[in-house]
PDB file of N, CA and C in Angstrom:
ATOM      1  N   MET A   1      11.606-139.323 -38.670  1.00  0.00           N
ATOM      2  CA  MET A   1      11.236-138.459 -37.969  1.00  0.00           C
ATOM      3  C   MET A   1      12.032-138.901 -36.430  1.00  0.00           C
ATOM      4  N   ARG A   2      12.880-138.369 -35.832  1.00  0.00           N
ATOM      5  CA  ARG A   2      13.364-138.756 -34.455  1.00  0.00           C
ATOM      6  C   ARG A   2      12.484-138.480 -33.141  1.00  0.00           C
ATOM      7  N   PRO A   3      12.550-139.595 -32.339  1.00  0.00           N
ATOM      8  CA  PRO A   3      11.571-139.284 -31.193  1.00  0.00           C
ATOM      9  C   PRO A   3      12.072-138.229 -29.946  1.00  0.00           C
ATOM     10  N   MET A   4      11.022-137.492 -29.902  1.00  0.00           N
ATOM     11  CA  MET A   4      11.504-136.784 -28.749  1.00  0.00           C
ATOM     12  C   MET A   4      11.564-137.178 -27.684  1.00  0.00           C
ATOM     13  N   LYS A   5      12.918-136.557 -27.176  1.00  0.00           N
ATOM     14  CA  LYS A   5      13.413-137.064 -25.882  1.00  0.00           C
ATOM     15  C   LYS A   5      12.874-136.186 -24.465  1.00  0.00           C
ATOM     16  N   PHE A   6      12.150-136.881 -23.690  1.00  0.00           N
ATOM     17  CA  PHE A   6      11.673-136.347 -22.407  1.00  0.00           C
ATOM     18  C   PHE A   6      12.716-135.561 -21.692  1.00  0.00           C
ATOM     19  N   LYS A   7      12.653-134.588 -21.060  1.00  0.00           N
ATOM     20  CA  LYS A   7      13.140-133.901 -20.314  1.00  0.00           C
ATOM     21  C   LYS A   7      12.412-133.432 -18.777  1.00  0.00           C
ATOM     22  N   CYS A   8      12.730-133.969 -18.115  1.00  0.00           N
ATOM     23  CA  CYS A   8      12.187-133.599 -16.850  1.00  0.00           C
ATOM     24  C   CYS A   8      12.364-132.366 -16.168  1.00  0.00           C
ATOM     25  N   PRO A   9      10.807-131.470 -16.014  1.00  0.00           N
ATOM     26  CA  PRO A   9      11.030-129.980 -15.804  1.00  0.00           C
ATOM     27  C   PRO A   9      11.601-129.864 -14.428  1.00  0.00           C
ATOM     28  N   GLY A  10      11.788-131.031 -13.634  1.00  0.00           N
ATOM     29  CA  GLY A  10      12.590-130.550 -12.351  1.00  0.00           C
ATOM     30  C   GLY A  10      14.076-130.506 -12.718  1.00  0.00           C
ATOM     31  N   SER A  11      14.708-130.914 -13.617  1.00  0.00           N
ATOM     32  CA  SER A  11      16.152-130.912 -13.880  1.00  0.00           C
ATOM     33  C   SER A  11      16.686-129.589 -14.187  1.00  0.00           C
ATOM     34  N   CYS A  12      15.976-128.555 -14.506  1.00  0.00           N
ATOM     35  CA  CYS A  12      16.481-127.341 -14.488  1.00  0.00           C
ATOM     36  C   CYS A  12      16.762-126.610 -12.965  1.00  0.00           C
ATOM     37  N   HIS A  13      16.030-127.195 -11.866  1.00  0.00           N
ATOM     38  CA  HIS A  13      16.356-126.778 -10.670  1.00  0.00           C
ATOM     39  C   HIS A  13      17.724-126.694  -9.908  1.00  0.00           C
ATOM     40  N   GLY A  14      18.398-127.884 -10.483  1.00  0.00           N
ATOM     41  CA  GLY A  14      19.796-127.839 -10.035  1.00  0.00           C
ATOM     42  C   GLY A  14      20.796-127.159 -10.105  1.00  0.00           C
ATOM     43  N   ASN A  15      20.660-126.469 -11.458  1.00  0.00           N
ATOM     44  CA  ASN A  15      21.602-125.871 -12.236  1.00  0.00           C
ATOM     45  C   ASN A  15      21.515-124.361 -11.914  1.00  0.00           C
ATOM     46  N   THR A  16      20.803-123.849 -12.200  1.00  0.00           N
ATOM     47  CA  THR A  16      20.221-122.184 -12.102  1.00  0.00           C
ATOM     48  C   THR A  16      18.922-121.933 -11.445  1.00  0.00           C
ATOM     49  N   PRO A  17      19.077-121.715  -9.941  1.00  0.00           N
ATOM     50  CA  PRO A  17      17.882-121.363  -9.602  1.00  0.00           C
ATOM     51  C   PRO A  17      16.932-120.470 -10.180  1.00  0.00           C
ATOM     52  N   GLN A  18      16.081-120.600 -10.071  1.00  0.00           N
ATOM     53  CA  GLN A  18      15.010-119.656 -10.772  1.00  0.00           C
ATOM     54  C   GLN A  18      14.268-118.846  -9.387  1.00  0.00           C
ATOM     55  N   LEU A  19      14.133-117.468  -9.612  1.00  0.00           N
ATOM     56  CA  LEU A  19      13.238-116.606  -9.036  1.00  0.00           C
ATOM     57  C   LEU A  19      11.525-116.838  -9.310  1.00  0.00           C
ATOM     58  N   GLU A  20      10.517-116.762  -8.415  1.00  0.00           N
ATOM     59  CA  GLU A  20       9.589-116.865  -8.796  1.00  0.00           C
ATOM     60  C   GLU A  20       8.678-115.953  -7.854  1.00  0.00           C
ATOM     61  N   ILE A  21       8.094-115.162  -8.140  1.00  0.00           N
ATOM     62  CA  ILE A  21       7.312-114.152  -7.421  1.00  0.00           C
ATOM     63  C   ILE A  21       6.061-114.802  -7.223  1.00  0.00           C
ATOM     64  N   ARG A  22       5.529-115.021  -5.802  1.00  0.00           N
ATOM     65  CA  ARG A  22       4.149-115.767  -5.424  1.00  0.00           C
ATOM     66  C   ARG A  22       3.338-114.621  -4.887  1.00  0.00           C
ATOM     67  N   ARG A  23       2.183-114.702  -4.772  1.00  0.00           N
ATOM     68  CA  ARG A  23       1.314-114.079  -4.071  1.00  0.00           C
ATOM     69  C   ARG A  23       0.866-114.841  -2.788  1.00  0.00           C
ATOM     70  N   CYS A  24       1.071-114.247  -1.630  1.00  0.00           N
ATOM     71  CA  CYS A  24       0.672-114.955  -0.449  1.00  0.00           C
ATOM     72  C   CYS A  24      -0.971-114.891  -0.407  1.00  0.00           C
ATOM     73  N   PRO A  25      -1.681-116.362  -0.540  1.00  0.00           N
ATOM     74  CA  PRO A  25      -3.025-116.319  -0.449  1.00  0.00           C
ATOM     75  C   PRO A  25      -3.799-116.018   0.840  1.00  0.00           C
ATOM     76  N   GLU A  26      -2.875-115.456   2.060  1.00  0.00           N
ATOM     77  CA  GLU A  26      -3.504-114.892   3.011  1.00  0.00           C
ATOM     78  C   GLU A  26      -3.538-113.589   3.203  1.00  0.00           C
ATOM     79  N   CYS A  27      -2.515-112.692   2.522  1.00  0.00           N
ATOM     80  CA  CYS A  27      -2.545-111.412   2.564  1.00  0.00           C
ATOM     81  C   CYS A  27      -2.386-110.560   1.411  1.00  0.00           C
ATOM     82  N   GLY A  28      -2.077-111.201   0.256  1.00  0.00           N
ATOM     83  CA  GLY A  28      -1.651-111.173  -0.708  1.00  0.00           C
ATOM     84  C   GLY A  28      -0.365-109.922  -1.002  1.00  0.00           C
ATOM     85  N   ASN A  29       0.556-110.528  -0.165  1.00  0.00           N
ATOM     86  CA  ASN A  29       1.857-109.660  -0.102  1.00  0.00           C
ATOM     87  C   ASN A  29       2.751-110.917  -1.165  1.00  0.00           C
ATOM     88  N   GLU A  30       3.760-110.056  -1.945  1.00  0.00           N
ATOM     89  CA  GLU A  30       4.549-110.728  -2.878  1.00  0.00           C
ATOM     90  C   GLU A  30       5.590-111.406  -2.178  1.00  0.00           C
ATOM     91  N   ILE A  31       5.626-112.865  -2.354  1.00  0.00           N
ATOM     92  CA  ILE A  31       6.852-113.889  -1.819  1.00  0.00           C
ATOM     93  C   ILE A  31       7.710-114.173  -2.809  1.00  0.00           C
ATOM     94  N   GLU A  32       8.984-113.798  -2.502  1.00  0.00           N
ATOM     95  CA  GLU A  32      10.132-114.342  -3.161  1.00  0.00           C
ATOM     96  C   GLU A  32      10.690-115.817  -3.063  1.00  0.00           C
ATOM     97  N   MET A  33      10.521-116.826  -4.190  1.00  0.00           N
ATOM     98  CA  MET A  33      10.737-118.199  -3.932  1.00  0.00           C
ATOM     99  C   MET A  33      11.555-118.640  -5.146  1.00  0.00           C
ATOM    100  N   PHE A  34      13.007-118.823  -4.693  1.00  0.00           N
ATOM    101  CA  PHE A  34      13.826-119.682  -5.754  1.00  0.00           C
ATOM    102  C   PHE A  34      13.335-121.082  -5.794  1.00  0.00           C
ATOM    103  N   SER A  35      13.389-121.825  -7.244  1.00  0.00           N
ATOM    104  CA  SER A  35      13.326-123.029  -7.377  1.00  0.00           C
ATOM    105  C   SER A  35      13.862-124.015  -6.516  1.00  0.00           C
ATOM    106  N   VAL A  36      14.837-124.010  -5.737  1.00  0.00           N
ATOM    107  CA  VAL A  36      15.561-124.885  -5.178  1.00  0.00           C
ATOM    108  C   VAL A  36      14.948-124.748  -3.673  1.00  0.00           C
ATOM    109  N   ASP A  37      14.183-123.829  -3.297  1.00  0.00           N
ATOM    110  CA  ASP A  37      13.627-123.326  -1.903  1.00  0.00           C
ATOM    111  C   ASP A  37      12.377-124.376  -2.017  1.00  0.00           C
ATOM    112  N   MET A  38      12.306-125.307  -0.715  1.00  0.00           N
ATOM    113  CA  MET A  38      10.989-126.006  -0.433  1.00  0.00           C
ATOM    114  C   MET A  38       9.619-125.405   0.184  1.00  0.00           C
ATOM    115  N   LYS A  39      10.267-124.009   0.874  1.00  0.00           N
ATOM    116  CA  LYS A  39       9.284-123.215   1.153  1.00  0.00           C
ATOM    117  C   LYS A  39      10.019-121.781   1.457  1.00  0.00           C
ATOM    118  N   ALA A  40       8.761-121.047   1.274  1.00  0.00           N
ATOM    119  CA  ALA A  40       8.981-119.656   2.072  1.00  0.00           C
ATOM    120  C   ALA A  40       7.835-119.162   2.693  1.00  0.00           C
ATOM    121  N   GLU A  41       8.358-118.309   3.589  1.00  0.00           N
ATOM    122  CA  GLU A  41       7.469-117.396   4.445  1.00  0.00           C
ATOM    123  C   GLU A  41       7.100-115.964   4.152  1.00  0.00           C
ATOM    124  N   CYS A  42       5.859-115.757   4.389  1.00  0.00           N
ATOM    125  CA  CYS A  42       5.589-114.779   3.906  1.00  0.00           C
ATOM    126  C   CYS A  42       6.255-113.433   4.691  1.00  0.00           C
ATOM    127  N   ASP A  43       6.652-112.546   4.620  1.00  0.00           N
ATOM    128  CA  ASP A  43       7.339-111.335   5.065  1.00  0.00           C
ATOM    129  C   ASP A  43       6.267-110.761   6.064  1.00  0.00           C
ATOM    130  N   ARG A  44       5.006-110.458   5.495  1.00  0.00           N
ATOM    131  CA  ARG A  44       3.832-109.830   6.419  1.00  0.00           C
ATOM    132  C   ARG A  44       3.213-110.289   7.376  1.00  0.00           C
ATOM    133  N   CYS A  45       2.705-111.625   6.909  1.00  0.00           N
ATOM    134  CA  CYS A  45       1.866-112.288   7.936  1.00  0.00           C
ATOM    135  C   CYS A  45       2.218-113.462   8.390  1.00  0.00           C
ATOM    136  N   GLY A  46       3.662-114.033   7.891  1.00  0.00           N
ATOM    137  CA  GLY A  46       4.198-115.286   8.329  1.00  0.00           C
ATOM    138  C   GLY A  46       3.507-116.668   7.654  1.00  0.00           C
ATOM    139  N   PHE A  47       2.593-116.693   6.658  1.00  0.00           N
ATOM    140  CA  PHE A  47       2.122-117.713   5.857  1.00  0.00           C
ATOM    141  C   PHE A  47       3.499-118.199   5.168  1.00  0.00           C
ATOM    142  N   THR A  48       3.249-119.886   5.334  1.00  0.00           N
ATOM    143  CA  THR A  48       4.200-120.712   4.582  1.00  0.00           C
ATOM    144  C   THR A  48       3.798-121.152   3.066  1.00  0.00           C
ATOM    145  N   VAL A  49       4.643-120.845   2.460  1.00  0.00           N
ATOM    146  CA  VAL A  49       4.298-121.270   1.072  1.00  0.00           C
ATOM    147  C   VAL A  49       5.026-122.361   0.283  1.00  0.00           C
ATOM    148  N   TYR A  50       4.436-123.218  -0.220  1.00  0.00           N
ATOM    149  CA  TYR A  50       5.388-124.639  -0.379  1.00  0.00           C
ATOM    150  C   TYR A  50       5.480-124.481  -1.994  1.00  0.00           C
ATOM    151  N   ASN A  51       6.804-124.659  -2.525  1.00  0.00           N
ATOM    152  CA  ASN A  51       7.254-124.913  -3.588  1.00  0.00           C
ATOM    153  C   ASN A  51       6.791-126.293  -4.494  1.00  0.00           C
ATOM    154  N   ASP A  52       6.400-126.047  -5.551  1.00  0.00           N
ATOM    155  CA  ASP A  52       6.081-127.297  -6.456  1.00  0.00           C
ATOM    156  C   ASP A  52       7.282-128.778  -6.552  1.00  0.00           C
ATOM    157  N   ILE A  53       8.676-128.040  -6.014  1.00  0.00           N
ATOM    158  CA  ILE A  53       9.427-129.421  -6.264  1.00  0.00           C
ATOM    159  C   ILE A  53       9.171-130.189  -4.904  1.00  0.00           C
ATOM    160  N   ARG A  54       8.473-129.662  -3.953  1.00  0.00           N
ATOM    161  CA  ARG A  54       8.116-130.569  -2.963  1.00  0.00           C
ATOM    162  C   ARG A  54       7.482-132.023  -3.483  1.00  0.00           C
ATOM    163  N   GLN A  55       6.480-131.920  -4.417  1.00  0.00           N
ATOM    164  CA  GLN A  55       5.882-132.889  -4.783  1.00  0.00           C
ATOM    165  C   GLN A  55       6.658-133.848  -5.579  1.00  0.00           C
ATOM    166  N   CYS A  56       7.449-133.147  -6.587  1.00  0.00           N
ATOM    167  CA  CYS A  56       8.437-133.945  -7.089  1.00  0.00           C
ATOM    168  C   CYS A  56       9.480-134.587  -6.555  1.00  0.00           C
ATOM    169  N   ILE A  57       9.934-134.333  -5.615  1.00  0.00           N
ATOM    170  CA  ILE A  57      10.846-135.409  -4.599  1.00  0.00           C
ATOM    171  C   ILE A  57      10.168-136.466  -4.151  1.00  0.00           C
ATOM    172  N   GLU A  58       8.826-136.242  -3.855  1.00  0.00           N
ATOM    173  CA  GLU A  58       8.273-137.326  -3.290  1.00  0.00           C
ATOM    174  C   GLU A  58       7.622-138.129  -3.842  1.00  0.00           C
ATOM    175  N   VAL A  59       7.194-138.045  -5.014  1.00  0.00           N
ATOM    176  CA  VAL A  59       6.534-138.879  -6.031  1.00  0.00           C
ATOM    177  C   VAL A  59       7.743-139.430  -6.910  1.00  0.00           C
ATOM    178  N   CYS A  60       8.711-138.959  -7.464  1.00  0.00           N
ATOM    179  CA  CYS A  60       9.475-139.171  -8.688  1.00  0.00           C
ATOM    180  C   CYS A  60      10.589-140.039  -8.170  1.00  0.00           C
ATOM    181  N   THR A  61      10.975-141.569  -8.795  1.00  0.00           N
ATOM    182  CA  THR A  61      11.751-142.107  -8.523  1.00  0.00           C
ATOM    183  C   THR A  61      13.142-141.860  -9.135  1.00  0.00           C
ATOM    184  N   HIS A  62      13.167-140.790  -9.869  1.00  0.00           N
ATOM    185  CA  HIS A  62      14.366-140.186 -10.696  1.00  0.00           C
ATOM    186  C   HIS A  62      14.604-139.015 -10.031  1.00  0.00           C
ATOM    187  N   ALA A  63      14.012-138.466  -8.905  1.00  0.00           N
ATOM    188  CA  ALA A  63      14.154-137.126  -8.400  1.00  0.00           C
ATOM    189  C   ALA A  63      15.628-137.037  -7.910  1.00  0.00           C
ATOM    190  N   GLU A  64      16.221-138.153  -7.752  1.00  0.00           N
ATOM    191  CA  GLU A  64      17.940-137.774  -7.006  1.00  0.00           C
ATOM    192  C   GLU A  64      18.721-137.972  -8.279  1.00  0.00           C
ATOM    193  N   GLU A  65      18.529-138.736  -8.942  1.00  0.00           N
ATOM    194  CA  GLU A  65      19.179-138.671 -10.481  1.00  0.00           C
ATOM    195  C   GLU A  65      19.023-137.180 -11.148  1.00  0.00           C
ATOM    196  N   CYS A  66      18.156-136.723 -11.366  1.00  0.00           N
ATOM    197  CA  CYS A  66      17.382-135.387 -12.173  1.00  0.00           C
ATOM    198  C   CYS A  66      18.018-134.525 -11.453  1.00  0.00           C
ATOM    199  N   LEU A  67      17.953-134.194  -9.975  1.00  0.00           N
ATOM    200  CA  LEU A  67      18.318-133.097  -8.983  1.00  0.00           C
ATOM    201  C   LEU A  67      19.688-133.055  -9.162  1.00  0.00           C
ATOM    202  N   GLY A  68      20.548-134.223  -8.940  1.00  0.00           N
ATOM    203  CA  GLY A  68      21.551-134.475  -8.293  1.00  0.00           C
ATOM    204  C   GLY A  68      21.764-134.611  -6.796  1.00  0.00           C
ATOM    205  N   ALA A  69      22.621-135.488  -6.329  1.00  0.00           N
ATOM    206  CA  ALA A  69      22.876-136.099  -5.107  1.00  0.00           C
ATOM    207  C   ALA A  69      22.721-135.287  -4.003  1.00  0.00           C
ATOM    208  N   GLU A  70      23.632-134.112  -4.508  1.00  0.00           N
ATOM    209  CA  GLU A  70      23.802-132.996  -3.234  1.00  0.00           C
ATOM    210  C   GLU A  70      22.358-132.302  -3.206  1.00  0.00           C
ATOM    211  N   MET A  71      21.907-131.794  -4.209  1.00  0.00           N
ATOM    212  CA  MET A  71      20.533-131.268  -4.044  1.00  0.00           C
ATOM    213  C   MET A  71      19.373-132.130  -3.641  1.00  0.00           C
ATOM    214  N   TYR A  72      19.418-133.151  -3.847  1.00  0.00           N
ATOM    215  CA  TYR A  72      18.177-133.999  -3.586  1.00  0.00           C
ATOM    216  C   TYR A  72      18.240-134.473  -2.153  1.00  0.00           C
ATOM    217  N   ARG A  73      19.540-134.476  -1.501  1.00  0.00           N
ATOM    218  CA  ARG A  73      19.991-134.527   0.193  1.00  0.00           C
ATOM    219  C   ARG A  73      19.470-133.251   0.948  1.00  0.00           C
ATOM    220  N   LYS A  74      19.465-132.070   0.402  1.00  0.00           N
ATOM    221  CA  LYS A  74      19.353-130.853   0.799  1.00  0.00           C
ATOM    222  C   LYS A  74      17.645-130.724   0.797  1.00  0.00           C
ATOM    223  N   LEU A  75      17.374-130.789  -0.327  1.00  0.00           N
ATOM    224  CA  LEU A  75      15.604-130.927  -0.362  1.00  0.00           C
ATOM    225  C   LEU A  75      15.151-131.878   0.971  1.00  0.00           C
ATOM    226  N   MET A  76      15.630-133.037   0.781  1.00  0.00           N
ATOM    227  CA  MET A  76      14.854-133.926   1.650  1.00  0.00           C
ATOM    228  C   MET A  76      15.242-133.659   2.800  1.00  0.00           C
ATOM    229  N   ALA A  77      16.241-133.099   3.412  1.00  0.00           N
ATOM    230  CA  ALA A  77      16.554-132.772   4.855  1.00  0.00           C
ATOM    231  C   ALA A  77      15.593-131.600   5.388  1.00  0.00           C
ATOM    232  N   ASP A  78      15.351-130.596   4.151  1.00  0.00           N
ATOM    233  CA  ASP A  78      14.354-129.616   4.412  1.00  0.00           C
ATOM    234  C   ASP A  78      12.931-130.046   4.319  1.00  0.00           C
ATOM    235  N   LYS A  79      12.428-131.113   3.639  1.00  0.00           N
ATOM    236  CA  LYS A  79      11.223-131.704   3.717  1.00  0.00           C
ATOM    237  C   LYS A  79      10.862-132.576   5.228  1.00  0.00           C
ATOM    238  N   GLU A  80      11.828-133.098   5.485  1.00  0.00           N
ATOM    239  CA  GLU A  80      11.937-133.760   6.924  1.00  0.00           C
ATOM    240  C   GLU A  80      11.705-132.730   8.090  1.00  0.00           C
ATOM    241  N   LEU A  81      12.439-131.637   7.918  1.00  0.00           N
ATOM    242  CA  LEU A  81      12.260-130.262   9.011  1.00  0.00           C
ATOM    243  C   LEU A  81      10.832-129.867   8.993  1.00  0.00           C
ATOM    244  N   SER A  82      10.487-129.907   7.736  1.00  0.00           N
ATOM    245  CA  SER A  82       8.835-128.878   7.698  1.00  0.00           C
ATOM    246  C   SER A  82       7.797-130.152   8.229  1.00  0.00           C
ATOM    247  N   SER A  83       8.061-131.294   8.102  1.00  0.00           N
ATOM    248  CA  SER A  83       7.213-132.346   8.190  1.00  0.00           C
ATOM    249  C   SER A  83       6.577-131.932   9.775  1.00  0.00           C
TER     250      SER A  83
END
């Protein structure tokens, strides 16, 4: 039996962005967020929703390798602007 190779879930973010529809916790409006977006703002009330990838790049030592240098720099710049 061959060992299963681990594949980080974040690695798919850099290839083909995935659209996710989330609900605003404030007003219930639908918010469109792509997997490469750090955050999205509700069109109705202005509430800011953050993507799970933010936590990934903050804690994973392989985030730059996983996402690619260009995407990693973009997400880190977005993170700095939102801090």
